[in-house]
Protein backbone atom coordinates (compact mmCIF):
# COMPACT_ATOMS: atom_id res chain seq x y z
CA ARG A 1 -0.09 0.50 2.99
CA GLY A 2 1.08 -2.65 1.23
CA ARG A 3 2.89 -2.39 -2.03
CA PHE A 4 -0.02 -4.13 -3.75
CA GLY A 5 -2.75 -1.94 -2.28
CA PRO A 6 -4.48 -0.67 0.82
CA THR A 7 -6.77 -3.69 1.39
CA SER A 8 -6.72 -5.62 4.66
CA ASN A 9 -5.28 -8.75 3.05
CA GLY A 10 -2.59 -6.75 1.28
CA ILE A 11 -1.61 -5.10 4.55
CA ALA A 12 -1.62 -8.45 6.38
CA ALA A 13 0.68 -9.99 3.76
CA GLU A 14 3.04 -7.03 3.93
CA ARG A 15 3.01 -7.14 7.75
CA VAL A 16 3.95 -10.83 7.82
CA ARG A 17 6.91 -10.21 5.54
CA ALA A 18 7.95 -7.14 7.53
CA TRP A 19 7.88 -9.07 10.83
CA ILE A 20 9.98 -11.85 9.34
CA GLY A 21 12.43 -9.41 7.80
CA ALA A 22 12.87 -7.52 11.09
CA SER A 23 12.84 -10.61 13.35
CA GLY A 24 16.61 -10.68 13.66
CA LEU A 25 16.62 -7.17 15.09
CA LEU A 26 13.48 -7.57 17.20
CA LEU A 27 14.54 -10.86 18.79
CA ALA A 28 18.19 -10.02 19.38
CA GLY A 29 18.68 -10.16 23.13
CA ALA A 30 14.94 -10.67 23.75
CA ASP A 31 13.81 -12.67 26.75
CA GLN A 32 11.91 -15.93 26.45
CA VAL A 33 8.52 -14.34 27.17
CA PHE A 34 8.80 -11.81 24.35
CA TYR A 35 10.17 -14.47 22.00
CA ARG A 36 7.13 -16.70 22.59
CA ARG A 37 4.64 -13.83 22.26
CA PHE A 38 6.26 -12.74 19.01
CA SER A 39 6.31 -16.28 17.58
CA ARG A 40 2.69 -16.95 18.52
CA ALA A 41 1.49 -13.66 17.04
CA LEU A 42 3.36 -14.34 13.81
CA TRP A 43 2.02 -17.90 13.67
CA ARG A 44 -1.57 -16.67 14.12
CA GLN A 45 -1.17 -14.13 11.30
CA VAL A 46 0.23 -16.76 8.97
CA ARG A 47 -2.63 -19.16 9.78
CA GLN A 48 -5.21 -16.41 9.25
CA LEU A 49 -3.67 -15.45 5.91
CA GLU A 50 -3.61 -19.09 4.87
CA PHE A 51 -7.26 -19.49 5.83
CA GLN A 52 -8.28 -16.42 3.78
CA MET A 53 -6.53 -17.70 0.65
CA ALA A 54 -9.55 -19.75 -0.41
CA ARG A 55 -11.72 -16.63 -0.44
CA LEU A 56 -9.30 -14.31 -2.19
CA PRO A 57 -10.23 -13.56 -5.81
CA PRO A 58 -7.54 -13.99 -8.47
CA GLY A 59 -5.41 -10.87 -8.67
CA ILE A 60 -2.40 -9.06 -7.30
CA GLU A 61 -3.79 -9.37 -3.76
CA ARG A 62 -3.66 -13.15 -4.10
CA LEU A 63 -0.05 -12.95 -5.30
CA ALA A 64 0.89 -10.80 -2.30
CA ALA A 65 -0.62 -13.32 0.10
CA LEU A 66 1.13 -16.26 -1.56
CA VAL A 67 4.51 -14.49 -1.53
CA ALA A 68 4.07 -13.85 2.20
CA LEU A 69 3.08 -17.47 2.87
CA VAL A 70 6.04 -18.89 0.97
CA THR A 71 8.36 -16.52 2.80
CA ALA A 72 6.88 -17.56 6.14
CA GLY A 73 7.12 -21.23 5.28
CA LEU A 74 10.80 -20.92 4.40
CA CYS A 75 11.71 -18.90 7.47
CA MET A 76 9.60 -20.57 10.18
CA GLU A 77 10.49 -23.94 11.65
CA GLY A 78 8.22 -26.89 10.93
CA GLU A 79 6.38 -25.33 7.99
CA GLU A 80 7.59 -27.64 5.23
CA ARG A 81 4.03 -28.50 4.18
CA LEU A 82 3.19 -24.80 3.91
CA VAL A 83 6.20 -24.25 1.66
CA VAL A 84 5.17 -27.02 -0.70
CA ARG A 85 1.53 -25.99 -0.88
CA ALA A 86 2.09 -22.22 -1.12
CA SER A 87 4.91 -22.60 -3.68
CA ARG A 88 2.69 -24.69 -5.91
CA LEU A 89 -0.15 -22.17 -5.69
CA LEU A 90 2.24 -19.27 -6.30
CA GLY A 91 3.63 -20.92 -9.42
CA GLU A 92 0.14 -21.57 -10.77
CA GLU A 93 -0.94 -18.00 -10.05
CA LEU A 94 2.15 -16.54 -11.74
CA ASP A 95 1.51 -18.63 -14.84
CA ARG A 96 -2.08 -17.37 -14.83
CA GLN A 97 -1.34 -13.68 -14.27
CA ILE A 98 1.96 -13.08 -16.09
CA LEU A 99 1.36 -13.20 -19.83
CA PRO A 100 3.86 -14.86 -22.20
CA ASP A 101 5.28 -11.47 -23.24
CA GLY A 102 5.87 -10.44 -19.61
CA CYS A 103 2.91 -8.08 -19.07
CA HIS A 104 0.59 -8.51 -16.13
CA VAL A 105 -2.95 -9.48 -17.02
CA SER A 106 -4.23 -6.21 -15.51
CA ARG A 107 -2.05 -4.30 -18.04
CA ASP A 108 -0.70 -2.05 -15.26
CA PRO A 109 3.07 -1.42 -15.72
CA GLY A 110 3.53 -0.63 -12.04
CA VAL A 111 2.53 -4.14 -10.99
CA LEU A 112 5.63 -5.52 -12.72
CA VAL A 113 8.05 -3.50 -10.60
CA ALA A 114 6.30 -4.33 -7.33
CA LEU A 115 6.08 -8.02 -8.17
CA VAL A 116 9.71 -8.31 -9.29
CA LEU A 117 10.89 -6.66 -6.07
CA ASP A 118 8.94 -9.26 -4.10
CA LEU A 119 10.03 -12.25 -6.15
CA LEU A 120 13.76 -11.42 -6.28
CA PRO A 121 14.44 -11.94 -2.54
CA LEU A 122 12.11 -14.93 -2.53
CA ARG A 123 14.12 -16.47 -5.35
CA GLN A 124 17.30 -16.09 -3.27
CA LEU A 125 15.63 -17.41 -0.13
CA PHE A 126 15.01 -20.86 -1.59
CA PRO A 127 18.69 -21.86 -2.05
CA ALA A 128 19.52 -20.27 1.31
CA ARG A 129 17.14 -22.83 2.86
CA ASN A 130 18.43 -25.67 0.66
CA ALA A 131 15.22 -25.68 -1.35
CA THR A 132 14.62 -25.50 -5.09
CA PRO A 133 12.46 -22.57 -6.25
CA PRO A 134 9.57 -23.40 -8.57
CA ALA A 135 10.40 -22.90 -12.23
CA ALA A 136 7.41 -20.57 -12.56
CA ILE A 137 9.07 -18.02 -10.25
CA LEU A 138 12.28 -18.01 -12.28
CA THR A 139 10.58 -17.74 -15.65
CA ALA A 140 8.13 -15.07 -14.45
CA VAL A 141 10.95 -12.79 -13.33
CA ASP A 142 12.83 -13.35 -16.59
CA ARG A 143 9.72 -12.41 -18.59
CA MET A 144 8.90 -9.32 -16.56
CA MET A 145 12.37 -7.72 -16.56
CA PRO A 146 12.40 -6.80 -20.28
CA MET A 147 8.87 -5.40 -19.99
CA ILE A 148 9.96 -2.96 -17.29
CA ARG A 149 12.49 -1.57 -19.78
CA PHE A 150 9.79 -1.64 -22.45
CA PHE A 151 7.61 0.82 -20.51
CA GLN A 152 10.48 3.19 -19.65
CA HIS A 153 10.94 6.65 -21.10
CA GLY A 154 14.37 8.24 -21.38
CA ASP A 155 14.09 9.80 -17.91
CA GLY A 156 13.43 6.39 -16.33
CA THR A 157 9.73 6.89 -15.63
CA LEU A 158 7.18 4.30 -16.71
CA ALA A 159 4.38 5.09 -19.14
CA ARG A 160 1.12 6.09 -17.44
CA PHE A 161 -1.21 3.36 -18.64
CA ASN A 162 -3.99 1.48 -16.83
CA GLY A 163 -3.49 2.55 -13.24
CA MET A 164 0.19 3.49 -13.35
CA GLY A 165 0.88 6.32 -10.91
CA GLN A 166 4.13 8.03 -10.03
CA THR A 167 7.27 6.08 -10.82
CA ALA A 168 9.58 5.20 -7.94
CA ILE A 169 12.83 5.58 -9.86
CA ASP A 170 14.86 3.94 -7.09
CA GLN A 171 12.66 0.83 -7.14
CA VAL A 172 12.86 0.56 -10.92
CA ALA A 173 16.65 0.91 -10.81
CA THR A 174 16.87 -1.72 -8.06
CA ALA A 175 14.77 -4.18 -10.04
CA LEU A 176 16.74 -3.68 -13.26
CA ALA A 177 20.06 -4.04 -11.42
CA TYR A 178 19.23 -7.74 -10.99
CA ASP A 179 18.25 -8.24 -14.62
CA GLU A 180 20.09 -11.36 -15.74
CA THR A 181 18.61 -11.42 -19.22
CA ARG A 182 20.53 -8.35 -20.39
CA GLY A 183 18.53 -8.47 -23.58
CA LEU A 184 17.38 -5.74 -25.89
CA THR A 185 14.30 -3.74 -25.02
CA PRO A 186 11.27 -5.36 -26.69
CA THR A 187 9.45 -3.34 -29.31
CA SER A 188 6.13 -5.14 -29.07
CA ALA A 189 3.97 -6.77 -26.40
CA PRO A 190 1.13 -8.33 -28.39
CA ARG A 191 -0.43 -10.24 -25.49
CA GLY A 192 -0.31 -7.23 -23.20
CA GLY A 193 -1.55 -4.93 -25.97
CA TYR A 194 1.29 -2.39 -26.17
CA GLU A 195 3.67 -1.21 -28.86
CA ARG A 196 6.93 0.75 -28.63
CA LEU A 197 8.21 2.94 -31.46
CA GLU A 198 11.79 4.07 -30.88
CA ALA A 199 14.29 5.85 -33.12
CA GLY A 200 16.91 8.56 -32.68
CA GLY A 201 16.29 8.93 -28.95
CA THR A 202 12.54 9.41 -29.46
CA VAL A 203 10.13 6.94 -27.86
CA ALA A 204 6.40 6.56 -28.52
CA LEU A 205 4.54 4.05 -26.33
CA VAL A 206 1.06 3.08 -27.53
CA ASP A 207 -1.82 1.32 -25.79
CA CYS A 208 -3.47 -0.84 -28.44
CA GLY A 209 -4.97 -3.62 -26.37
CA PRO A 210 -8.47 -4.53 -25.18
CA ALA A 211 -9.81 -4.03 -21.70
CA PRO A 212 -8.39 -6.53 -19.18
CA PRO A 213 -10.62 -9.27 -17.77
CA SER A 214 -13.20 -7.87 -15.39
CA ALA A 215 -11.67 -9.49 -12.30
CA PHE A 216 -8.38 -7.67 -12.97
CA SER A 217 -9.85 -4.34 -14.12
CA ALA A 218 -10.26 -2.48 -10.82
CA ARG A 219 -7.51 -0.02 -11.81
CA ALA A 220 -7.73 -0.18 -15.61
CA HIS A 221 -8.23 3.04 -17.58
CA ALA A 222 -10.29 3.85 -20.66
CA GLY A 223 -7.22 4.83 -22.67
CA CYS A 224 -7.34 2.55 -25.70
CA LEU A 225 -5.13 3.91 -28.53
CA SER A 226 -3.61 6.55 -26.24
CA PHE A 227 0.13 7.16 -26.47
CA GLU A 228 3.01 8.86 -24.70
CA LEU A 229 5.94 10.55 -26.42
CA SER A 230 9.41 11.39 -25.14
CA SER A 231 12.61 12.74 -26.62
CA GLY A 232 15.85 11.96 -24.85
CA LEU A 233 15.38 12.71 -21.15
CA ASP A 234 12.28 14.85 -21.73
CA THR A 235 8.72 13.55 -21.82
CA ILE A 236 6.45 15.49 -24.19
CA VAL A 237 3.01 13.86 -24.39
CA ILE A 238 1.57 12.02 -21.39
CA ASN A 239 -1.59 10.51 -19.99
CA CYS A 240 -2.83 12.10 -16.77
CA GLY A 241 -2.00 8.93 -14.85
CA SER A 242 -3.38 7.56 -11.61
CA PRO A 243 -3.38 9.79 -8.51
CA SER A 244 -2.03 8.78 -5.12
CA LEU A 245 -4.24 7.32 -2.43
CA GLN A 246 -4.45 10.71 -0.73
CA ARG A 247 -6.28 12.02 -3.79
CA ALA A 248 -8.41 8.95 -4.53
CA VAL A 249 -11.40 11.19 -5.24
CA TRP A 250 -9.76 12.04 -8.57
CA ARG A 251 -9.30 8.41 -9.55
CA VAL A 252 -12.66 8.07 -11.32
CA GLN A 253 -11.93 11.12 -13.46
CA ALA A 254 -8.40 9.90 -14.17
CA ARG A 255 -9.78 6.62 -15.57
CA LYS A 256 -11.92 8.36 -18.18
CA THR A 257 -10.88 8.60 -21.82
CA ALA A 258 -10.61 12.39 -21.63
CA ALA A 259 -7.63 11.99 -19.26
CA HIS A 260 -5.65 10.23 -22.00
CA SER A 261 -3.93 11.33 -25.18
CA THR A 262 -6.42 9.83 -27.57
CA ALA A 263 -9.82 10.60 -29.13
CA THR A 264 -12.94 11.24 -27.05
CA VAL A 265 -16.19 10.67 -28.94
CA ALA A 266 -19.42 12.46 -27.94
CA ASP A 267 -17.94 13.31 -24.52
CA ARG A 268 -18.04 9.61 -23.59
CA SER A 269 -15.46 7.16 -22.35
CA SER A 270 -14.60 4.03 -24.28
CA MET A 271 -15.28 1.90 -21.18
CA THR A 272 -18.20 1.54 -18.78
CA LEU A 273 -17.38 1.23 -15.08
CA GLY A 274 -19.57 -0.69 -12.66
CA GLN A 275 -21.26 1.11 -9.78
CA GLY A 276 -22.94 -1.76 -7.95
CA ILE A 277 -21.96 -3.31 -4.64
CA TYR A 278 -19.99 -6.14 -6.24
CA THR A 279 -18.98 -4.40 -9.48
CA ALA A 280 -17.87 -0.98 -8.19
CA GLY A 281 -14.88 0.18 -10.22
CA LEU A 282 -14.77 -2.89 -12.46
CA ILE A 283 -15.00 -2.58 -16.23
CA LEU A 284 -18.34 -3.87 -17.44
CA ALA A 285 -17.95 -2.91 -21.11
CA GLY A 286 -15.06 -1.66 -23.18
CA PRO A 287 -12.87 -2.36 -26.21
CA ARG A 288 -12.92 -6.06 -27.02
CA ASP A 289 -12.26 -6.15 -30.75
CA VAL A 290 -8.92 -4.33 -31.01
CA THR A 291 -6.83 -4.89 -34.11
CA CYS A 292 -3.24 -3.73 -34.51
CA ARG A 293 -0.97 -4.07 -37.51
CA ARG A 294 2.63 -2.98 -37.36
CA GLN A 295 5.43 -2.64 -39.88
CA ASP A 296 8.79 -1.35 -38.67
CA LEU A 297 8.14 2.10 -37.15
CA ALA A 298 4.52 2.39 -38.29
CA LEU A 299 1.38 0.88 -36.82
CA GLU A 300 -2.34 1.05 -37.43
CA ALA A 301 -4.88 0.11 -34.74
CA ARG A 302 -8.64 0.16 -34.37
CA HIS A 303 -11.05 -0.52 -31.50
CA ASP A 304 -14.78 -0.94 -30.90
CA GLY A 305 -15.06 0.65 -27.46
CA TYR A 306 -17.56 3.23 -28.72
CA LEU A 307 -19.51 0.93 -31.01
CA ALA A 308 -22.24 -0.20 -28.61
CA ARG A 309 -22.77 3.21 -26.99
CA VAL A 310 -22.47 5.74 -29.82
CA GLY A 311 -22.15 3.57 -32.93
CA VAL A 312 -18.62 4.42 -34.06
CA ARG A 313 -15.18 2.84 -34.23
CA HIS A 314 -11.95 4.72 -33.58
CA GLY A 315 -8.84 4.05 -35.63
CA ARG A 316 -5.37 5.55 -35.27
CA ARG A 317 -2.29 5.35 -37.46
CA LEU A 318 1.14 6.33 -36.12
CA SER A 319 4.45 6.53 -37.95
CA LEU A 320 7.82 7.51 -36.50
CA SER A 321 10.61 8.61 -38.83
CA ALA A 322 13.89 6.69 -38.85
CA ALA A 323 15.67 9.72 -37.40
CA GLY A 324 13.10 10.08 -34.63
CA ASP A 325 12.39 13.71 -35.50
CA LEU A 326 8.83 13.28 -36.79
CA LEU A 327 5.78 11.46 -35.45
CA ASP A 328 2.90 11.44 -37.92
CA GLY A 329 -0.59 10.47 -36.83
CA VAL A 330 -4.04 10.05 -38.36
CA ASP A 331 -7.21 9.51 -36.31
CA ARG A 332 -10.36 8.26 -38.02
CA ILE A 333 -13.93 7.93 -36.71
CA GLU A 334 -16.10 5.47 -38.63
CA GLY A 335 -19.83 4.97 -38.22
CA GLU A 336 -22.57 7.37 -37.18
CA ASP A 337 -22.20 11.14 -37.21
CA ARG A 338 -20.72 12.17 -33.84
CA PRO A 339 -18.59 15.03 -32.49
CA TYR A 340 -15.15 14.09 -31.25
CA VAL A 341 -12.03 15.66 -29.77
CA LEU A 342 -8.40 14.66 -30.08
CA ARG A 343 -6.47 15.33 -26.88
CA PHE A 344 -2.72 15.55 -26.36
CA HIS A 345 -1.83 16.11 -22.70
CA ILE A 346 1.54 17.87 -22.39
CA HIS A 347 4.05 17.21 -19.63
CA PRO A 348 4.14 20.15 -17.17
CA ALA A 349 7.89 20.60 -17.69
CA VAL A 350 7.25 21.39 -21.37
CA THR A 351 6.42 24.97 -22.31
CA LEU A 352 3.50 25.09 -24.74
CA ILE A 353 3.52 28.20 -26.91
CA PRO A 354 0.48 29.17 -29.02
CA THR A 355 1.16 30.58 -32.47
CA GLU A 356 -0.66 32.82 -34.90
CA HIS A 357 -1.23 29.80 -37.09
CA PRO A 358 -4.62 28.34 -36.04
CA ARG A 359 -3.50 24.78 -36.70
CA ALA A 360 -0.09 24.78 -35.00
CA ALA A 361 1.57 25.08 -31.60
CA LEU A 362 5.18 25.15 -30.45
CA LEU A 363 6.70 23.17 -27.59
CA ARG A 364 9.94 24.00 -25.78
CA LEU A 365 11.47 21.13 -23.82
CA PRO A 366 13.60 21.55 -20.66
CA SER A 367 16.66 20.45 -22.63
CA GLY A 368 16.16 23.35 -25.06
CA GLU A 369 14.77 21.21 -27.87
CA GLY A 370 11.92 22.67 -29.86
CA TRP A 371 9.00 20.71 -31.31
CA ARG A 372 6.06 21.79 -33.40
CA PHE A 373 2.56 20.33 -33.36
CA LEU A 374 0.66 20.68 -36.62
CA ALA A 375 -2.82 19.46 -37.57
CA ASP A 376 -5.08 19.81 -40.58
CA GLN A 377 -7.86 21.19 -38.33
CA PRO A 378 -7.87 24.17 -35.94
CA VAL A 379 -6.29 23.44 -32.57
CA THR A 380 -6.97 24.89 -29.13
CA ILE A 381 -4.99 24.91 -25.89
CA GLU A 382 -6.83 23.96 -22.71
CA GLU A 383 -5.97 23.29 -19.10
CA SER A 384 -5.09 19.81 -17.88
CA VAL A 385 -3.49 18.14 -14.87
CA ALA A 386 -0.66 15.65 -14.45
CA LEU A 387 -1.56 13.32 -11.58
CA ALA A 388 1.33 10.85 -11.58
CA LEU A 389 4.32 13.02 -10.75
CA ALA A 390 6.66 12.46 -7.80
CA GLU A 391 5.87 15.92 -6.41
CA GLY A 392 2.11 15.34 -6.67
CA PRO A 393 -0.52 16.70 -9.07
CA ARG A 394 0.54 19.67 -11.19
CA ARG A 395 -1.35 21.91 -13.53
CA THR A 396 -0.43 21.52 -17.16
CA LEU A 397 -1.87 22.13 -20.62
CA GLN A 398 -3.28 20.00 -23.39
CA ILE A 399 -3.59 20.45 -27.14
CA THR A 400 -7.09 19.66 -28.37
CA VAL A 401 -8.44 19.28 -31.88
CA PRO A 402 -12.26 19.51 -31.68
CA VAL A 403 -14.34 18.24 -34.59
CA ALA A 404 -18.08 18.97 -34.70
CA SER A 405 -19.07 16.23 -37.15
CA SER A 406 -17.42 12.93 -37.94
CA ALA A 407 -19.50 12.72 -41.12
CA ALA A 408 -18.06 15.99 -42.44
CA THR A 409 -14.54 15.36 -41.09
CA PRO A 410 -14.04 11.63 -40.55
CA ALA A 411 -10.25 11.86 -40.19
CA VAL A 412 -7.72 14.30 -38.72
CA SER A 413 -4.02 14.28 -39.59
CA TRP A 414 -1.49 15.66 -37.13
CA SER A 415 2.22 15.52 -36.40
CA PHE A 416 4.90 16.27 -33.82
CA GLN A 417 8.09 17.47 -35.51
CA LYS A 418 11.42 18.29 -33.92
CA LEU A 419 12.75 21.69 -34.93
CA GLU A 420 16.38 22.16 -35.82
CA ARG A 421 18.33 24.42 -33.56
CA PRO A 422 19.66 27.49 -35.34
CA ARG A 423 23.37 27.27 -35.84
CA PRO A 424 25.45 30.23 -34.70
CA ALA A 425 26.70 32.36 -37.55
CA ALA A 426 30.30 31.69 -38.49
CA ARG A 427 32.61 34.54 -37.44
CA ALA A 428 34.68 36.14 -40.12
CA GLU A 429 38.36 35.54 -39.67
CA ASP A 430 40.21 38.49 -38.21
CA GLU A 431 41.98 40.43 -40.90
CA PRO A 432 45.73 40.75 -40.44
CA GLU A 433 46.88 44.11 -39.10
CA LEU A 434 48.97 46.27 -41.30
CA PRO A 435 52.50 46.91 -39.97
CA LEU A 436 52.11 50.66 -39.58
């Protein structure tokens, strides 16, 4: 499977690059017959990939093919015209797909890591062949590097938004090791539609952007206004994430709004997925009018993903304290009278403890930290599943706040608050012994 996906073109592009990368080993000591057979087979694959370029739709598959063609042009003799043509197309495609803030147009954080790992060796290959790399390649890498840090939690994993599956920590570390910008982690990605609230070791990452363009939406999720929360090295609130290819049957369920830490209205998703021959898996309708206002560690966002289907808008306000020990939230449903549910999927490493208080729950983190969830409506604890873990899917729990009527209860206030650890009692000083 290619890094960009299991499609035939993605595999062909990955195979061309793998053959070129291993050619030194494969051809060492080879006879002339094998050398010619290998060269002809590689040449035919490059020509076939070049021929298919005109029919490839814009997307990550097109980027993979162009990276492979530029690599082949630089490494194969007599392919100067291919280098010029493929480099120009690659630069244009990078300018089209990498947004000014560094996000990919599909809004999938995992695409950034895969693309950076492909562009870094390509960027070094140009001077090794006495060629000048296109400026678009250099600027694209410089824009994407800070965004990889933007999506990171304290444990190094990337937030599970819009098709992000398990995080390959080694690949992320490799990509960031070549970060030449060495800048601060951004706090906002307005073009990509994400915000990062960070204070006192606590990180809240929020999806407050519209649905990506339909051509780039094959892996996008209906998670508008969802968020993930982490404290130090421990992740607390998650989205279910995207499953691996071996469990692709779960992917449709993982894309629904109920698999995200946000509000689900009338048991519907905020996006409509296509089911036709040419639109299967693509987003046909979803949030388009998404507004987000931010001031320091507080933001307020609103989207219209439910407006056409059930006649309501969903708004969410989040505020993180300066010490990072309190995340306050308010969810509001405006419009027709509909039932809705607030969902907070909890990381499986966190122990969720119900309490006698009907509107509260306790959370114990692996580090020993304690947090308390509190809402102004009764809460329940239900089963959930975390799909994007390195060890595979794991059962977990979720906190839900069900509301029967948005007319009677249009808004719900809730909070995650860090609990102070009890300090050990001071021991009384030993009294001096009497000299008896």
